[in-house]
Amino acid sequence: MSDCIFCKIAAGEIPATVVYEDELVIAFDDVSPQMPVHTLIVPKEHYRDIGDGIPDALMGHLFNTVKKVAELKGVASSGYRVIVNTGDDACQTVHHVHVHVLGGAPMNSGSPAL
C-alpha cells in the first residue's frame, strides 16, 4: 500500500532502527516505546490485520521471529510480552499487521497492554 508507514519502512523509504530483517519480515524499534524494549515485527507484504488471510507459512515465520528479536534485544531469558492488536476497537493504530515485543523491565497487571 502506497500510504502505509510500515510498507514504507519495509521498503527502506522511511528510516527505522532495524533490529532484524530477512526476505519476509522486518523488525524495528517502536518510535514511541512503552517499555525499555519495544520492537515491532511486520511482514514486508501488506496485510491489514491478523485476520487478513495471511498464509500459514508467513504467519509461522512472523511468530518464529519473536524469539530471534527477544534474543537480539536481550530479553529472551528475563521474559517479554508479545501483543498483536487487531482492529480499531483493539487500538490498532497502523493497519498493517504487526507484532509488539515488549520487555526490559518487570511487568505487572498495569504494564502496557497496547
PDB file of N, CA and C in Angstrom:
ATOM      1  N   MET A   1       0.840  -1.185   0.000  1.00  0.00           N
ATOM      2  CA  MET A   1       0.000   0.000   0.000  1.00  0.00           C
ATOM      3  C   MET A   1       0.883   1.245   0.000  1.00  0.00           C
ATOM      4  N   SER A   2       0.586   2.153  -0.856  1.00  0.00           N
ATOM      5  CA  SER A   2       1.450   3.314  -1.036  1.00  0.00           C
ATOM      6  C   SER A   2       1.433   4.279   0.143  1.00  0.00           C
ATOM      7  N   ASP A   3       0.371   4.290   0.944  1.00  0.00           N
ATOM      8  CA  ASP A   3       0.294   5.233   2.053  1.00  0.00           C
ATOM      9  C   ASP A   3       0.555   4.581   3.413  1.00  0.00           C
ATOM     10  N   CYS A   4       0.962   3.332   3.442  1.00  0.00           N
ATOM     11  CA  CYS A   4       1.190   2.598   4.696  1.00  0.00           C
ATOM     12  C   CYS A   4       2.602   2.854   5.215  1.00  0.00           C
ATOM     13  N   ILE A   5       2.699   3.380   6.427  1.00  0.00           N
ATOM     14  CA  ILE A   5       4.005   3.701   7.003  1.00  0.00           C
ATOM     15  C   ILE A   5       4.878   2.452   7.167  1.00  0.00           C
ATOM     16  N   PHE A   6       4.277   1.324   7.532  1.00  0.00           N
ATOM     17  CA  PHE A   6       5.080   0.109   7.704  1.00  0.00           C
ATOM     18  C   PHE A   6       5.550  -0.439   6.365  1.00  0.00           C
ATOM     19  N   CYS A   7       4.758  -0.303   5.319  1.00  0.00           N
ATOM     20  CA  CYS A   7       5.213  -0.688   3.979  1.00  0.00           C
ATOM     21  C   CYS A   7       6.394   0.174   3.567  1.00  0.00           C
ATOM     22  N   LYS A   8       6.333   1.470   3.888  1.00  0.00           N
ATOM     23  CA  LYS A   8       7.421   2.376   3.546  1.00  0.00           C
ATOM     24  C   LYS A   8       8.684   2.057   4.333  1.00  0.00           C
ATOM     25  N   ILE A   9       8.539   1.673   5.602  1.00  0.00           N
ATOM     26  CA  ILE A   9       9.707   1.258   6.392  1.00  0.00           C
ATOM     27  C   ILE A   9      10.298  -0.010   5.796  1.00  0.00           C
ATOM     28  N   ALA A  10       9.452  -0.987   5.475  1.00  0.00           N
ATOM     29  CA  ALA A  10       9.921  -2.254   4.900  1.00  0.00           C
ATOM     30  C   ALA A  10      10.635  -2.033   3.570  1.00  0.00           C
ATOM     31  N   ALA A  11      10.203  -1.034   2.816  1.00  0.00           N
ATOM     32  CA  ALA A  11      10.814  -0.730   1.516  1.00  0.00           C
ATOM     33  C   ALA A  11      12.054   0.154   1.645  1.00  0.00           C
ATOM     34  N   GLY A  12      12.358   0.599   2.859  1.00  0.00           N
ATOM     35  CA  GLY A  12      13.520   1.454   3.072  1.00  0.00           C
ATOM     36  C   GLY A  12      13.275   2.913   2.725  1.00  0.00           C
ATOM     37  N   GLU A  13      12.019   3.293   2.545  1.00  0.00           N
ATOM     38  CA  GLU A  13      11.680   4.674   2.191  1.00  0.00           C
ATOM     39  C   GLU A  13      11.634   5.588   3.416  1.00  0.00           C
ATOM     40  N   ILE A  14      11.405   5.005   4.582  1.00  0.00           N
ATOM     41  CA  ILE A  14      11.385   5.743   5.846  1.00  0.00           C
ATOM     42  C   ILE A  14      12.412   5.082   6.755  1.00  0.00           C
ATOM     43  N   PRO A  15      13.302   5.873   7.373  1.00  0.00           N
ATOM     44  CA  PRO A  15      14.316   5.266   8.233  1.00  0.00           C
ATOM     45  C   PRO A  15      13.700   4.678   9.506  1.00  0.00           C
ATOM     46  N   ALA A  16      14.341   3.641   9.997  1.00  0.00           N
ATOM     47  CA  ALA A  16      13.931   2.991  11.241  1.00  0.00           C
ATOM     48  C   ALA A  16      15.165   2.339  11.853  1.00  0.00           C
ATOM     49  N   THR A  17      15.101   2.097  13.153  1.00  0.00           N
ATOM     50  CA  THR A  17      16.163   1.365  13.823  1.00  0.00           C
ATOM     51  C   THR A  17      15.864  -0.120  13.663  1.00  0.00           C
ATOM     52  N   VAL A  18      16.446  -0.717  12.648  1.00  0.00           N
ATOM     53  CA  VAL A  18      16.161  -2.109  12.304  1.00  0.00           C
ATOM     54  C   VAL A  18      16.928  -3.038  13.237  1.00  0.00           C
ATOM     55  N   VAL A  19      16.192  -3.974  13.803  1.00  0.00           N
ATOM     56  CA  VAL A  19      16.739  -4.963  14.731  1.00  0.00           C
ATOM     57  C   VAL A  19      17.022  -6.271  14.002  1.00  0.00           C
ATOM     58  N   TYR A  20      16.156  -6.625  13.057  1.00  0.00           N
ATOM     59  CA  TYR A  20      16.272  -7.883  12.318  1.00  0.00           C
ATOM     60  C   TYR A  20      15.547  -7.705  10.985  1.00  0.00           C
ATOM     61  N   GLU A  21      16.074  -8.371   9.964  1.00  0.00           N
ATOM     62  CA  GLU A  21      15.412  -8.342   8.667  1.00  0.00           C
ATOM     63  C   GLU A  21      15.783  -9.587   7.888  1.00  0.00           C
ATOM     64  N   ASP A  22      14.799 -10.142   7.193  1.00  0.00           N
ATOM     65  CA  ASP A  22      15.048 -11.212   6.236  1.00  0.00           C
ATOM     66  C   ASP A  22      14.144 -10.966   5.038  1.00  0.00           C
ATOM     67  N   GLU A  23      13.983 -11.938   4.180  1.00  0.00           N
ATOM     68  CA  GLU A  23      13.220 -11.730   2.956  1.00  0.00           C
ATOM     69  C   GLU A  23      11.715 -11.549   3.192  1.00  0.00           C
ATOM     70  N   LEU A  24      11.213 -11.972   4.362  1.00  0.00           N
ATOM     71  CA  LEU A  24       9.771 -11.927   4.617  1.00  0.00           C
ATOM     72  C   LEU A  24       9.323 -10.882   5.625  1.00  0.00           C
ATOM     73  N   VAL A  25      10.179 -10.583   6.614  1.00  0.00           N
ATOM     74  CA  VAL A  25       9.784  -9.690   7.705  1.00  0.00           C
ATOM     75  C   VAL A  25      10.884  -8.682   8.005  1.00  0.00           C
ATOM     76  N   ILE A  26      10.480  -7.616   8.686  1.00  0.00           N
ATOM     77  CA  ILE A  26      11.432  -6.649   9.207  1.00  0.00           C
ATOM     78  C   ILE A  26      11.000  -6.328  10.639  1.00  0.00           C
ATOM     79  N   ALA A  27      11.984  -6.209  11.532  1.00  0.00           N
ATOM     80  CA  ALA A  27      11.719  -5.854  12.927  1.00  0.00           C
ATOM     81  C   ALA A  27      12.471  -4.566  13.224  1.00  0.00           C
ATOM     82  N   PHE A  28      11.782  -3.625  13.854  1.00  0.00           N
ATOM     83  CA  PHE A  28      12.388  -2.327  14.150  1.00  0.00           C
ATOM     84  C   PHE A  28      11.837  -1.808  15.473  1.00  0.00           C
ATOM     85  N   ASP A  29      12.607  -0.937  16.111  1.00  0.00           N
ATOM     86  CA  ASP A  29      12.191  -0.375  17.385  1.00  0.00           C
ATOM     87  C   ASP A  29      11.051   0.615  17.194  1.00  0.00           C
ATOM     88  N   ASP A  30      10.092   0.555  18.106  1.00  0.00           N
ATOM     89  CA  ASP A  30       8.948   1.463  18.087  1.00  0.00           C
ATOM     90  C   ASP A  30       9.417   2.889  18.372  1.00  0.00           C
ATOM     91  N   VAL A  31       8.867   3.865  17.670  1.00  0.00           N
ATOM     92  CA  VAL A  31       9.268   5.261  17.883  1.00  0.00           C
ATOM     93  C   VAL A  31       8.668   5.850  19.162  1.00  0.00           C
ATOM     94  N   SER A  32       7.651   5.192  19.714  1.00  0.00           N
ATOM     95  CA  SER A  32       7.047   5.611  20.984  1.00  0.00           C
ATOM     96  C   SER A  32       7.020   4.420  21.931  1.00  0.00           C
ATOM     97  N   PRO A  33       8.197   4.008  22.421  1.00  0.00           N
ATOM     98  CA  PRO A  33       8.263   2.778  23.215  1.00  0.00           C
ATOM     99  C   PRO A  33       7.478   2.867  24.524  1.00  0.00           C
ATOM    100  N   GLN A  34       6.813   1.764  24.852  1.00  0.00           N
ATOM    101  CA  GLN A  34       6.054   1.656  26.088  1.00  0.00           C
ATOM    102  C   GLN A  34       6.838   0.923  27.172  1.00  0.00           C
ATOM    103  N   MET A  35       7.972   0.349  26.808  1.00  0.00           N
ATOM    104  CA  MET A  35       8.871  -0.371  27.720  1.00  0.00           C
ATOM    105  C   MET A  35      10.292  -0.112  27.224  1.00  0.00           C
ATOM    106  N   PRO A  36      11.311  -0.425  28.039  1.00  0.00           N
ATOM    107  CA  PRO A  36      12.687  -0.247  27.556  1.00  0.00           C
ATOM    108  C   PRO A  36      12.957  -0.972  26.238  1.00  0.00           C
ATOM    109  N   VAL A  37      12.383  -2.153  26.070  1.00  0.00           N
ATOM    110  CA  VAL A  37      12.435  -2.856  24.789  1.00  0.00           C
ATOM    111  C   VAL A  37      11.027  -2.835  24.217  1.00  0.00           C
ATOM    112  N   HIS A  38      10.888  -2.262  23.041  1.00  0.00           N
ATOM    113  CA  HIS A  38       9.592  -2.244  22.348  1.00  0.00           C
ATOM    114  C   HIS A  38       9.898  -2.288  20.848  1.00  0.00           C
ATOM    115  N   THR A  39       9.865  -3.496  20.323  1.00  0.00           N
ATOM    116  CA  THR A  39      10.206  -3.741  18.928  1.00  0.00           C
ATOM    117  C   THR A  39       8.982  -4.266  18.201  1.00  0.00           C
ATOM    118  N   LEU A  40       8.796  -3.820  16.978  1.00  0.00           N
ATOM    119  CA  LEU A  40       7.693  -4.264  16.130  1.00  0.00           C
ATOM    120  C   LEU A  40       8.227  -5.194  15.060  1.00  0.00           C
ATOM    121  N   ILE A  41       7.496  -6.259  14.803  1.00  0.00           N
ATOM    122  CA  ILE A  41       7.830  -7.186  13.716  1.00  0.00           C
ATOM    123  C   ILE A  41       6.694  -7.122  12.714  1.00  0.00           C
ATOM    124  N   VAL A  42       7.010  -6.830  11.458  1.00  0.00           N
ATOM    125  CA  VAL A  42       5.981  -6.711  10.427  1.00  0.00           C
ATOM    126  C   VAL A  42       6.365  -7.541   9.213  1.00  0.00           C
ATOM    127  N   PRO A  43       5.374  -8.146   8.564  1.00  0.00           N
ATOM    128  CA  PRO A  43       5.676  -8.783   7.285  1.00  0.00           C
ATOM    129  C   PRO A  43       5.933  -7.695   6.253  1.00  0.00           C
ATOM    130  N   LYS A  44       6.810  -7.966   5.315  1.00  0.00           N
ATOM    131  CA  LYS A  44       7.105  -6.985   4.272  1.00  0.00           C
ATOM    132  C   LYS A  44       5.924  -6.816   3.316  1.00  0.00           C
ATOM    133  N   GLU A  45       5.148  -7.845   3.157  1.00  0.00           N
ATOM    134  CA  GLU A  45       3.945  -7.759   2.332  1.00  0.00           C
ATOM    135  C   GLU A  45       2.815  -7.205   3.199  1.00  0.00           C
ATOM    136  N   HIS A  46       1.995  -6.356   2.637  1.00  0.00           N
ATOM    137  CA  HIS A  46       0.932  -5.713   3.405  1.00  0.00           C
ATOM    138  C   HIS A  46      -0.241  -6.648   3.669  1.00  0.00           C
ATOM    139  N   TYR A  47      -0.585  -6.776   4.941  1.00  0.00           N
ATOM    140  CA  TYR A  47      -1.818  -7.412   5.397  1.00  0.00           C
ATOM    141  C   TYR A  47      -2.400  -6.468   6.435  1.00  0.00           C
ATOM    142  N   ARG A  48      -3.670  -6.181   6.341  1.00  0.00           N
ATOM    143  CA  ARG A  48      -4.301  -5.185   7.207  1.00  0.00           C
ATOM    144  C   ARG A  48      -4.224  -5.576   8.688  1.00  0.00           C
ATOM    145  N   ASP A  49      -4.552  -6.814   8.996  1.00  0.00           N
ATOM    146  CA  ASP A  49      -4.534  -7.275  10.378  1.00  0.00           C
ATOM    147  C   ASP A  49      -4.394  -8.788  10.398  1.00  0.00           C
ATOM    148  N   ILE A  50      -4.417  -9.363  11.592  1.00  0.00           N
ATOM    149  CA  ILE A  50      -4.154 -10.797  11.728  1.00  0.00           C
ATOM    150  C   ILE A  50      -5.241 -11.658  11.066  1.00  0.00           C
ATOM    151  N   GLY A  51      -6.389 -11.077  10.774  1.00  0.00           N
ATOM    152  CA  GLY A  51      -7.469 -11.810  10.122  1.00  0.00           C
ATOM    153  C   GLY A  51      -7.541 -11.601   8.622  1.00  0.00           C
ATOM    154  N   ASP A  52      -6.478 -11.073   8.033  1.00  0.00           N
ATOM    155  CA  ASP A  52      -6.493 -10.687   6.620  1.00  0.00           C
ATOM    156  C   ASP A  52      -5.940 -11.763   5.680  1.00  0.00           C
ATOM    157  N   GLY A  53      -6.127 -13.022   6.024  1.00  0.00           N
ATOM    158  CA  GLY A  53      -5.738 -14.107   5.118  1.00  0.00           C
ATOM    159  C   GLY A  53      -4.239 -14.299   4.960  1.00  0.00           C
ATOM    160  N   ILE A  54      -3.497 -14.077   6.014  1.00  0.00           N
ATOM    161  CA  ILE A  54      -2.042 -14.269   5.980  1.00  0.00           C
ATOM    162  C   ILE A  54      -1.758 -15.757   5.777  1.00  0.00           C
ATOM    163  N   PRO A  55      -0.940 -16.118   4.795  1.00  0.00           N
ATOM    164  CA  PRO A  55      -0.620 -17.528   4.583  1.00  0.00           C
ATOM    165  C   PRO A  55       0.002 -18.143   5.848  1.00  0.00           C
ATOM    166  N   ASP A  56      -0.310 -19.402   6.088  1.00  0.00           N
ATOM    167  CA  ASP A  56       0.177 -20.083   7.288  1.00  0.00           C
ATOM    168  C   ASP A  56       1.690 -20.008   7.430  1.00  0.00           C
ATOM    169  N   ALA A  57       2.404 -20.195   6.334  1.00  0.00           N
ATOM    170  CA  ALA A  57       3.873 -20.180   6.405  1.00  0.00           C
ATOM    171  C   ALA A  57       4.386 -18.804   6.836  1.00  0.00           C
ATOM    172  N   LEU A  58       3.777 -17.737   6.340  1.00  0.00           N
ATOM    173  CA  LEU A  58       4.194 -16.397   6.733  1.00  0.00           C
ATOM    174  C   LEU A  58       3.821 -16.118   8.182  1.00  0.00           C
ATOM    175  N   MET A  59       2.636 -16.548   8.604  1.00  0.00           N
ATOM    176  CA  MET A  59       2.221 -16.352   9.995  1.00  0.00           C
ATOM    177  C   MET A  59       3.186 -17.069  10.936  1.00  0.00           C
ATOM    178  N   GLY A  60       3.551 -18.292  10.598  1.00  0.00           N
ATOM    179  CA  GLY A  60       4.515 -19.023  11.413  1.00  0.00           C
ATOM    180  C   GLY A  60       5.856 -18.319  11.455  1.00  0.00           C
ATOM    181  N   HIS A  61       6.307 -17.825  10.323  1.00  0.00           N
ATOM    182  CA  HIS A  61       7.585 -17.122  10.255  1.00  0.00           C
ATOM    183  C   HIS A  61       7.544 -15.842  11.081  1.00  0.00           C
ATOM    184  N   LEU A  62       6.444 -15.120  10.992  1.00  0.00           N
ATOM    185  CA  LEU A  62       6.271 -13.892  11.762  1.00  0.00           C
ATOM    186  C   LEU A  62       6.433 -14.169  13.256  1.00  0.00           C
ATOM    187  N   PHE A  63       5.771 -15.206  13.739  1.00  0.00           N
ATOM    188  CA  PHE A  63       5.846 -15.517  15.163  1.00  0.00           C
ATOM    189  C   PHE A  63       7.134 -16.231  15.548  1.00  0.00           C
ATOM    190  N   ASN A  64       7.754 -16.962  14.648  1.00  0.00           N
ATOM    191  CA  ASN A  64       9.064 -17.542  14.949  1.00  0.00           C
ATOM    192  C   ASN A  64      10.137 -16.463  15.056  1.00  0.00           C
ATOM    193  N   THR A  65       9.907 -15.336  14.431  1.00  0.00           N
ATOM    194  CA  THR A  65      10.843 -14.221  14.509  1.00  0.00           C
ATOM    195  C   THR A  65      10.840 -13.583  15.897  1.00  0.00           C
ATOM    196  N   VAL A  66       9.764 -13.757  16.650  1.00  0.00           N
ATOM    197  CA  VAL A  66       9.679 -13.191  18.004  1.00  0.00           C
ATOM    198  C   VAL A  66      10.862 -13.647  18.853  1.00  0.00           C
ATOM    199  N   LYS A  67      11.169 -14.928  18.843  1.00  0.00           N
ATOM    200  CA  LYS A  67      12.277 -15.446  19.648  1.00  0.00           C
ATOM    201  C   LYS A  67      13.600 -14.805  19.226  1.00  0.00           C
ATOM    202  N   LYS A  68      13.822 -14.675  17.933  1.00  0.00           N
ATOM    203  CA  LYS A  68      15.056 -14.054  17.441  1.00  0.00           C
ATOM    204  C   LYS A  68      15.174 -12.612  17.942  1.00  0.00           C
ATOM    205  N   VAL A  69      14.082 -11.872  17.851  1.00  0.00           N
ATOM    206  CA  VAL A  69      14.092 -10.481  18.303  1.00  0.00           C
ATOM    207  C   VAL A  69      14.332 -10.409  19.802  1.00  0.00           C
ATOM    208  N   ALA A  70      13.673 -11.269  20.569  1.00  0.00           N
ATOM    209  CA  ALA A  70      13.872 -11.280  22.023  1.00  0.00           C
ATOM    210  C   ALA A  70      15.327 -11.568  22.371  1.00  0.00           C
ATOM    211  N   GLU A  71      15.950 -12.470  21.641  1.00  0.00           N
ATOM    212  CA  GLU A  71      17.370 -12.765  21.873  1.00  0.00           C
ATOM    213  C   GLU A  71      18.241 -11.569  21.498  1.00  0.00           C
ATOM    214  N   LEU A  72      17.979 -10.967  20.350  1.00  0.00           N
ATOM    215  CA  LEU A  72      18.774  -9.817  19.902  1.00  0.00           C
ATOM    216  C   LEU A  72      18.639  -8.621  20.841  1.00  0.00           C
ATOM    217  N   LYS A  73      17.473  -8.459  21.441  1.00  0.00           N
ATOM    218  CA  LYS A  73      17.222  -7.332  22.338  1.00  0.00           C
ATOM    219  C   LYS A  73      17.578  -7.655  23.793  1.00  0.00           C
ATOM    220  N   GLY A  74      18.013  -8.900  24.057  1.00  0.00           N
ATOM    221  CA  GLY A  74      18.479  -9.261  25.391  1.00  0.00           C
ATOM    222  C   GLY A  74      17.397  -9.540  26.413  1.00  0.00           C
ATOM    223  N   VAL A  75      16.189  -9.878  25.974  1.00  0.00           N
ATOM    224  CA  VAL A  75      15.105 -10.150  26.919  1.00  0.00           C
ATOM    225  C   VAL A  75      14.623 -11.607  26.889  1.00  0.00           C
ATOM    226  N   ALA A  76      15.277 -12.449  26.105  1.00  0.00           N
ATOM    227  CA  ALA A  76      14.806 -13.828  25.949  1.00  0.00           C
ATOM    228  C   ALA A  76      14.810 -14.595  27.269  1.00  0.00           C
ATOM    229  N   SER A  77      15.807 -14.381  28.100  1.00  0.00           N
ATOM    230  CA  SER A  77      15.878 -15.149  29.348  1.00  0.00           C
ATOM    231  C   SER A  77      15.123 -14.485  30.490  1.00  0.00           C
ATOM    232  N   SER A  78      14.940 -13.172  30.449  1.00  0.00           N
ATOM    233  CA  SER A  78      14.271 -12.475  31.546  1.00  0.00           C
ATOM    234  C   SER A  78      12.760 -12.407  31.375  1.00  0.00           C
ATOM    235  N   GLY A  79      12.284 -12.540  30.149  1.00  0.00           N
ATOM    236  CA  GLY A  79      10.850 -12.515  29.881  1.00  0.00           C
ATOM    237  C   GLY A  79      10.452 -11.322  29.048  1.00  0.00           C
ATOM    238  N   TYR A  80       9.379 -11.488  28.305  1.00  0.00           N
ATOM    239  CA  TYR A  80       8.892 -10.441  27.415  1.00  0.00           C
ATOM    240  C   TYR A  80       7.423 -10.692  27.120  1.00  0.00           C
ATOM    241  N   ARG A  81       6.756  -9.662  26.657  1.00  0.00           N
ATOM    242  CA  ARG A  81       5.338  -9.747  26.307  1.00  0.00           C
ATOM    243  C   ARG A  81       5.212  -9.615  24.796  1.00  0.00           C
ATOM    244  N   VAL A  82       4.281 -10.380  24.208  1.00  0.00           N
ATOM    245  CA  VAL A  82       4.016 -10.353  22.776  1.00  0.00           C
ATOM    246  C   VAL A  82       2.554  -9.951  22.595  1.00  0.00           C
ATOM    247  N   ILE A  83       2.328  -8.907  21.797  1.00  0.00           N
ATOM    248  CA  ILE A  83       0.968  -8.382  21.616  1.00  0.00           C
ATOM    249  C   ILE A  83       0.696  -8.160  20.138  1.00  0.00           C
ATOM    250  N   VAL A  84      -0.518  -8.526  19.706  1.00  0.00           N
ATOM    251  CA  VAL A  84      -0.991  -8.211  18.366  1.00  0.00           C
ATOM    252  C   VAL A  84      -2.367  -7.563  18.524  1.00  0.00           C
ATOM    253  N   ASN A  85      -2.475  -6.305  18.165  1.00  0.00           N
ATOM    254  CA  ASN A  85      -3.762  -5.611  18.191  1.00  0.00           C
ATOM    255  C   ASN A  85      -4.421  -5.785  16.825  1.00  0.00           C
ATOM    256  N   THR A  86      -5.731  -6.039  16.840  1.00  0.00           N
ATOM    257  CA  THR A  86      -6.449  -6.270  15.594  1.00  0.00           C
ATOM    258  C   THR A  86      -7.704  -5.420  15.559  1.00  0.00           C
ATOM    259  N   GLY A  87      -7.711  -4.406  14.724  1.00  0.00           N
ATOM    260  CA  GLY A  87      -8.883  -3.562  14.549  1.00  0.00           C
ATOM    261  C   GLY A  87      -8.891  -2.341  15.450  1.00  0.00           C
ATOM    262  N   ASP A  88      -9.770  -1.427  15.105  1.00  0.00           N
ATOM    263  CA  ASP A  88      -9.864  -0.157  15.814  1.00  0.00           C
ATOM    264  C   ASP A  88     -10.236  -0.321  17.288  1.00  0.00           C
ATOM    265  N   ASP A  89     -11.152  -1.226  17.606  1.00  0.00           N
ATOM    266  CA  ASP A  89     -11.564  -1.402  18.993  1.00  0.00           C
ATOM    267  C   ASP A  89     -10.421  -1.937  19.864  1.00  0.00           C
ATOM    268  N   ALA A  90      -9.426  -2.546  19.238  1.00  0.00           N
ATOM    269  CA  ALA A  90      -8.261  -3.059  19.967  1.00  0.00           C
ATOM    270  C   ALA A  90      -7.098  -2.073  19.936  1.00  0.00           C
ATOM    271  N   CYS A  91      -7.368  -0.870  19.448  1.00  0.00           N
ATOM    272  CA  CYS A  91      -6.362   0.201  19.361  1.00  0.00           C
ATOM    273  C   CYS A  91      -5.251  -0.092  18.367  1.00  0.00           C
ATOM    274  N   GLN A  92      -5.565  -0.787  17.284  1.00  0.00           N
ATOM    275  CA  GLN A  92      -4.583  -0.958  16.216  1.00  0.00           C
ATOM    276  C   GLN A  92      -4.463   0.378  15.497  1.00  0.00           C
ATOM    277  N   THR A  93      -3.334   1.046  15.663  1.00  0.00           N
ATOM    278  CA  THR A  93      -3.184   2.393  15.113  1.00  0.00           C
ATOM    279  C   THR A  93      -2.597   2.401  13.706  1.00  0.00           C
ATOM    280  N   VAL A  94      -1.815   1.385  13.356  1.00  0.00           N
ATOM    281  CA  VAL A  94      -1.312   1.237  11.988  1.00  0.00           C
ATOM    282  C   VAL A  94      -1.934  -0.040  11.436  1.00  0.00           C
ATOM    283  N   HIS A  95      -2.671   0.101  10.363  1.00  0.00           N
ATOM    284  CA  HIS A  95      -3.402  -1.042   9.817  1.00  0.00           C
ATOM    285  C   HIS A  95      -2.545  -1.825   8.825  1.00  0.00           C
ATOM    286  N   HIS A  96      -1.461  -2.347   9.372  1.00  0.00           N
ATOM    287  CA  HIS A  96      -0.555  -3.297   8.734  1.00  0.00           C
ATOM    288  C   HIS A  96      -0.207  -4.235   9.881  1.00  0.00           C
ATOM    289  N   VAL A  97      -0.541  -5.505   9.739  1.00  0.00           N
ATOM    290  CA  VAL A  97      -0.352  -6.424  10.862  1.00  0.00           C
ATOM    291  C   VAL A  97       1.065  -6.295  11.419  1.00  0.00           C
ATOM    292  N   HIS A  98       1.172  -6.276  12.744  1.00  0.00           N
ATOM    293  CA  HIS A  98       2.473  -6.176  13.387  1.00  0.00           C
ATOM    294  C   HIS A  98       2.409  -6.790  14.779  1.00  0.00           C
ATOM    295  N   VAL A  99       3.548  -7.321  15.183  1.00  0.00           N
ATOM    296  CA  VAL A  99       3.690  -7.961  16.489  1.00  0.00           C
ATOM    297  C   VAL A  99       4.567  -7.059  17.354  1.00  0.00           C
ATOM    298  N   HIS A 100       4.069  -6.725  18.536  1.00  0.00           N
ATOM    299  CA  HIS A 100       4.849  -5.960  19.505  1.00  0.00           C
ATOM    300  C   HIS A 100       5.620  -6.939  20.383  1.00  0.00           C
ATOM    301  N   VAL A 101       6.907  -6.700  20.580  1.00  0.00           N
ATOM    302  CA  VAL A 101       7.715  -7.446  21.544  1.00  0.00           C
ATOM    303  C   VAL A 101       8.165  -6.429  22.586  1.00  0.00           C
ATOM    304  N   LEU A 102       7.712  -6.621  23.823  1.00  0.00           N
ATOM    305  CA  LEU A 102       7.992  -5.671  24.898  1.00  0.00           C
ATOM    306  C   LEU A 102       8.726  -6.362  26.037  1.00  0.00           C
ATOM    307  N   GLY A 103       9.669  -5.660  26.633  1.00  0.00           N
ATOM    308  CA  GLY A 103      10.385  -6.212  27.779  1.00  0.00           C
ATOM    309  C   GLY A 103      11.412  -5.233  28.284  1.00  0.00           C
ATOM    310  N   GLY A 104      12.344  -5.762  29.063  1.00  0.00           N
ATOM    311  CA  GLY A 104      13.425  -4.938  29.577  1.00  0.00           C
ATOM    312  C   GLY A 104      13.188  -4.385  30.954  1.00  0.00           C
ATOM    313  N   ALA A 105      12.043  -4.697  31.554  1.00  0.00           N
ATOM    314  CA  ALA A 105      11.723  -4.264  32.913  1.00  0.00           C
ATOM    315  C   ALA A 105      10.635  -5.189  33.451  1.00  0.00           C
ATOM    316  N   PRO A 106      10.554  -5.321  34.766  1.00  0.00           N
ATOM    317  CA  PRO A 106       9.476  -6.148  35.324  1.00  0.00           C
ATOM    318  C   PRO A 106       8.110  -5.593  34.930  1.00  0.00           C
ATOM    319  N   MET A 107       7.189  -6.492  34.661  1.00  0.00           N
ATOM    320  CA  MET A 107       5.826  -6.102  34.302  1.00  0.00           C
ATOM    321  C   MET A 107       4.879  -6.572  35.376  1.00  0.00           C
ATOM    322  N   ASN A 108       3.769  -5.870  35.476  1.00  0.00           N
ATOM    323  CA  ASN A 108       2.675  -6.288  36.360  1.00  0.00           C
ATOM    324  C   ASN A 108       1.387  -6.085  35.599  1.00  0.00           C
ATOM    325  N   SER A 109       0.271  -6.211  36.281  1.00  0.00           N
ATOM    326  CA  SER A 109      -1.011  -6.092  35.588  1.00  0.00           C
ATOM    327  C   SER A 109      -1.242  -4.689  35.021  1.00  0.00           C
ATOM    328  N   GLY A 110      -0.490  -3.700  35.490  1.00  0.00           N
ATOM    329  CA  GLY A 110      -0.622  -2.349  34.972  1.00  0.00           C
ATOM    330  C   GLY A 110       0.327  -2.038  33.844  1.00  0.00           C
ATOM    331  N   SER A 111       1.168  -2.999  33.469  1.00  0.00           N
ATOM    332  CA  SER A 111       2.140  -2.784  32.386  1.00  0.00           C
ATOM    333  C   SER A 111       1.414  -2.659  31.057  1.00  0.00           C
ATOM    334  N   PRO A 112       2.079  -2.139  30.055  1.00  0.00           N
ATOM    335  CA  PRO A 112       1.416  -1.878  28.767  1.00  0.00           C
ATOM    336  C   PRO A 112       0.690  -3.084  28.202  1.00  0.00           C
ATOM    337  N   ALA A 113      -0.523  -2.856  27.818  1.00  0.00           N
ATOM    338  CA  ALA A 113      -1.303  -3.881  27.123  1.00  0.00           C
ATOM    339  C   ALA A 113      -1.578  -3.452  25.701  1.00  0.00           C
ATOM    340  N   LEU A 114      -1.112  -2.269  25.349  1.00  0.00           N
ATOM    341  CA  LEU A 114      -1.251  -1.716  23.991  1.00  0.00           C
ATOM    342  C   LEU A 114      -2.584  -2.075  23.382  1.00  0.00           C
TER     343      LEU A 114
END
